[in-house]
N, C-alpha and C. Protein backbone atom coordinates (compact mmCIF):
# COMPACT_ATOMS: atom_id res chain seq x y z
N UNK A 1 151.16 185.15 134.06
CA UNK A 1 151.67 185.98 135.12
C UNK A 1 151.79 185.13 136.38
N UNK A 2 152.97 184.98 136.86
CA UNK A 2 153.22 184.22 138.09
C UNK A 2 153.59 185.15 139.22
N UNK A 3 152.63 185.42 140.04
CA UNK A 3 152.84 186.28 141.19
C UNK A 3 152.44 185.52 142.41
N UNK A 4 153.31 185.41 143.38
CA UNK A 4 152.98 184.73 144.63
C UNK A 4 152.02 185.60 145.43
N UNK A 5 151.03 184.92 146.00
CA UNK A 5 150.07 185.60 146.87
C UNK A 5 150.18 185.02 148.24
N UNK A 6 150.33 185.87 149.22
CA UNK A 6 150.47 185.45 150.60
C UNK A 6 149.09 185.42 151.25
N UNK A 7 148.51 184.24 151.35
CA UNK A 7 147.21 184.13 151.99
C UNK A 7 147.34 184.37 153.49
N UNK A 8 146.33 185.04 154.04
CA UNK A 8 146.30 185.30 155.46
C UNK A 8 145.72 184.08 156.17
N UNK A 9 146.54 183.08 156.42
CA UNK A 9 146.08 181.84 157.00
C UNK A 9 145.47 182.03 158.40
N UNK A 10 145.82 183.08 159.05
CA UNK A 10 145.31 183.35 160.40
C UNK A 10 143.79 183.58 160.36
N UNK A 11 143.29 184.20 159.28
CA UNK A 11 141.88 184.55 159.23
C UNK A 11 141.03 183.60 158.39
N UNK A 12 141.61 182.50 157.90
CA UNK A 12 140.85 181.57 157.09
C UNK A 12 139.72 180.94 157.86
N UNK A 13 139.85 180.75 159.14
CA UNK A 13 138.78 180.12 159.93
C UNK A 13 137.70 181.12 160.33
N UNK A 14 137.79 182.33 159.86
CA UNK A 14 136.79 183.34 160.18
C UNK A 14 135.72 183.47 159.09
N UNK A 15 135.62 182.46 158.21
CA UNK A 15 134.62 182.45 157.15
C UNK A 15 133.32 181.84 157.72
N UNK A 16 132.20 182.46 157.40
CA UNK A 16 130.90 181.90 157.72
C UNK A 16 130.08 181.88 156.43
N UNK A 17 129.07 181.01 156.42
CA UNK A 17 128.24 180.84 155.24
C UNK A 17 126.82 181.27 155.53
N UNK A 18 126.26 182.08 154.61
CA UNK A 18 124.90 182.59 154.78
C UNK A 18 124.01 181.93 153.72
N UNK A 19 122.91 181.37 154.16
CA UNK A 19 122.00 180.75 153.22
C UNK A 19 120.53 180.96 153.64
N UNK A 20 119.65 180.96 152.65
CA UNK A 20 118.24 181.10 152.91
C UNK A 20 117.70 179.78 153.48
N UNK A 21 116.79 179.90 154.45
CA UNK A 21 116.21 178.73 155.10
C UNK A 21 114.69 178.91 155.12
N UNK A 22 113.95 177.91 154.69
CA UNK A 22 112.49 177.95 154.78
C UNK A 22 112.09 177.87 156.27
N UNK A 23 111.21 178.75 156.64
CA UNK A 23 110.76 178.79 158.07
C UNK A 23 110.15 177.43 158.43
N UNK A 24 109.52 176.73 157.50
CA UNK A 24 108.91 175.43 157.81
C UNK A 24 109.95 174.40 158.21
N UNK A 25 111.21 174.61 157.92
CA UNK A 25 112.28 173.68 158.32
C UNK A 25 112.77 173.90 159.74
N UNK A 26 112.36 174.96 160.36
CA UNK A 26 112.83 175.33 161.70
C UNK A 26 111.99 174.69 162.78
N UNK A 27 112.53 174.58 163.99
CA UNK A 27 111.75 174.05 165.12
C UNK A 27 110.47 174.88 165.36
N UNK A 28 109.46 174.26 165.90
CA UNK A 28 108.17 174.90 166.11
C UNK A 28 108.26 176.17 166.96
N UNK A 29 109.11 176.14 168.00
CA UNK A 29 109.22 177.35 168.87
C UNK A 29 109.84 178.53 168.10
N UNK A 30 110.69 178.27 167.17
CA UNK A 30 111.25 179.34 166.33
C UNK A 30 110.22 179.81 165.35
N UNK A 31 109.50 178.89 164.74
CA UNK A 31 108.45 179.24 163.77
C UNK A 31 107.41 180.16 164.41
N UNK A 32 107.08 179.91 165.65
CA UNK A 32 106.08 180.71 166.36
C UNK A 32 106.51 182.17 166.49
N UNK A 33 107.78 182.41 166.49
CA UNK A 33 108.31 183.80 166.63
C UNK A 33 108.38 184.51 165.28
N UNK A 34 108.18 183.79 164.19
CA UNK A 34 108.29 184.32 162.84
C UNK A 34 106.94 184.28 162.15
N UNK A 35 106.04 185.15 162.54
CA UNK A 35 104.65 185.06 162.09
C UNK A 35 104.46 185.20 160.58
N UNK A 36 105.07 186.16 159.92
CA UNK A 36 104.80 186.45 158.53
C UNK A 36 105.90 185.95 157.58
N UNK A 37 107.01 185.51 158.07
CA UNK A 37 108.16 185.18 157.24
C UNK A 37 107.99 183.82 156.57
N UNK A 38 108.37 183.72 155.28
CA UNK A 38 108.42 182.47 154.56
C UNK A 38 109.80 181.84 154.64
N UNK A 39 110.81 182.70 154.60
CA UNK A 39 112.19 182.23 154.75
C UNK A 39 113.02 183.30 155.45
N UNK A 40 114.04 182.82 156.10
CA UNK A 40 114.98 183.71 156.75
C UNK A 40 116.39 183.27 156.37
N UNK A 41 117.40 183.89 156.92
CA UNK A 41 118.79 183.57 156.57
C UNK A 41 119.53 183.04 157.78
N UNK A 42 120.21 181.93 157.56
CA UNK A 42 121.00 181.31 158.61
C UNK A 42 122.48 181.57 158.35
N UNK A 43 123.20 181.76 159.44
CA UNK A 43 124.67 181.94 159.38
C UNK A 43 125.27 180.66 159.96
N UNK A 44 126.11 180.02 159.16
CA UNK A 44 126.71 178.73 159.55
C UNK A 44 128.22 178.82 159.59
N UNK A 45 128.82 178.09 160.51
CA UNK A 45 130.27 177.99 160.56
C UNK A 45 130.74 177.06 159.45
N UNK A 46 132.03 176.97 159.32
CA UNK A 46 132.63 176.14 158.28
C UNK A 46 132.24 174.66 158.40
N UNK A 47 132.04 174.20 159.64
CA UNK A 47 131.66 172.80 159.85
C UNK A 47 130.14 172.57 159.84
N UNK A 48 129.36 173.61 159.50
CA UNK A 48 127.93 173.46 159.33
C UNK A 48 127.10 173.83 160.54
N UNK A 49 127.74 174.19 161.64
CA UNK A 49 127.00 174.59 162.84
C UNK A 49 126.26 175.89 162.60
N UNK A 50 124.98 175.92 162.92
CA UNK A 50 124.19 177.15 162.79
C UNK A 50 124.54 178.09 163.92
N UNK A 51 124.99 179.26 163.56
CA UNK A 51 125.44 180.24 164.55
C UNK A 51 124.39 181.26 164.87
N UNK A 52 123.59 181.64 163.85
CA UNK A 52 122.60 182.70 164.05
C UNK A 52 121.56 182.65 162.93
N UNK A 53 120.43 183.30 163.21
CA UNK A 53 119.39 183.50 162.22
C UNK A 53 119.13 184.99 162.04
N UNK A 54 118.83 185.40 160.84
CA UNK A 54 118.57 186.81 160.56
C UNK A 54 117.36 186.94 159.64
N UNK A 55 116.64 188.05 159.78
CA UNK A 55 115.42 188.27 159.02
C UNK A 55 115.69 188.41 157.52
N UNK A 56 116.81 189.04 157.14
CA UNK A 56 117.14 189.14 155.72
C UNK A 56 118.64 189.01 155.49
N UNK A 57 119.01 188.90 154.25
CA UNK A 57 120.39 188.64 153.87
C UNK A 57 121.33 189.74 154.30
N UNK A 58 120.91 190.99 154.10
CA UNK A 58 121.75 192.13 154.51
C UNK A 58 122.06 192.13 156.00
N UNK A 59 121.06 191.81 156.78
CA UNK A 59 121.28 191.75 158.25
C UNK A 59 122.21 190.59 158.59
N UNK A 60 122.04 189.46 157.92
CA UNK A 60 122.93 188.30 158.17
C UNK A 60 124.39 188.68 157.89
N UNK A 61 124.64 189.36 156.78
CA UNK A 61 125.99 189.76 156.44
C UNK A 61 126.51 190.81 157.44
N UNK A 62 125.65 191.71 157.89
CA UNK A 62 126.06 192.70 158.89
C UNK A 62 126.41 192.04 160.21
N UNK A 63 125.63 191.05 160.62
CA UNK A 63 125.91 190.34 161.86
C UNK A 63 127.27 189.66 161.76
N UNK A 64 127.51 188.99 160.66
CA UNK A 64 128.80 188.32 160.46
C UNK A 64 129.96 189.29 160.52
N UNK A 65 129.86 190.36 159.79
CA UNK A 65 130.96 191.35 159.77
C UNK A 65 131.16 192.03 161.11
N UNK A 66 130.06 192.30 161.82
CA UNK A 66 130.18 192.90 163.14
C UNK A 66 130.96 192.01 164.10
N UNK A 67 130.84 190.70 163.89
CA UNK A 67 131.54 189.74 164.72
C UNK A 67 132.85 189.26 164.10
N UNK A 68 133.36 190.07 163.16
CA UNK A 68 134.65 189.86 162.53
C UNK A 68 134.76 188.56 161.78
N UNK A 69 133.66 188.15 161.13
CA UNK A 69 133.64 187.03 160.23
C UNK A 69 133.58 187.52 158.78
N UNK A 70 134.00 186.71 157.86
CA UNK A 70 133.89 187.00 156.44
C UNK A 70 132.76 186.17 155.88
N UNK A 71 131.58 186.82 155.63
CA UNK A 71 130.42 186.05 155.15
C UNK A 71 130.53 185.69 153.66
N UNK A 72 130.06 184.48 153.34
CA UNK A 72 130.00 184.01 151.96
C UNK A 72 128.61 183.49 151.75
N UNK A 73 128.01 183.87 150.60
CA UNK A 73 126.66 183.41 150.30
C UNK A 73 126.70 182.00 149.76
N UNK A 74 125.72 181.21 150.21
CA UNK A 74 125.57 179.83 149.73
C UNK A 74 124.21 179.74 149.09
N UNK A 75 124.11 179.09 147.96
CA UNK A 75 122.83 178.97 147.25
C UNK A 75 122.16 177.67 147.55
């Protein structure tokens, strides 16, 4: 089946990546604010810049969508 698909190139840069991060990998001042957490979720831009941290995956995806990004999970 050969069907042309028109990609929305305008929104391709609106992708962000969500991944689990060990709290021990974070700076000490951030670790101090996360008393009981073993890992949290980071939201990264396409070039790897960390944009935000969230307590759980669902919140990370909600933050991304609220800011008109398309979140993708990274393992």
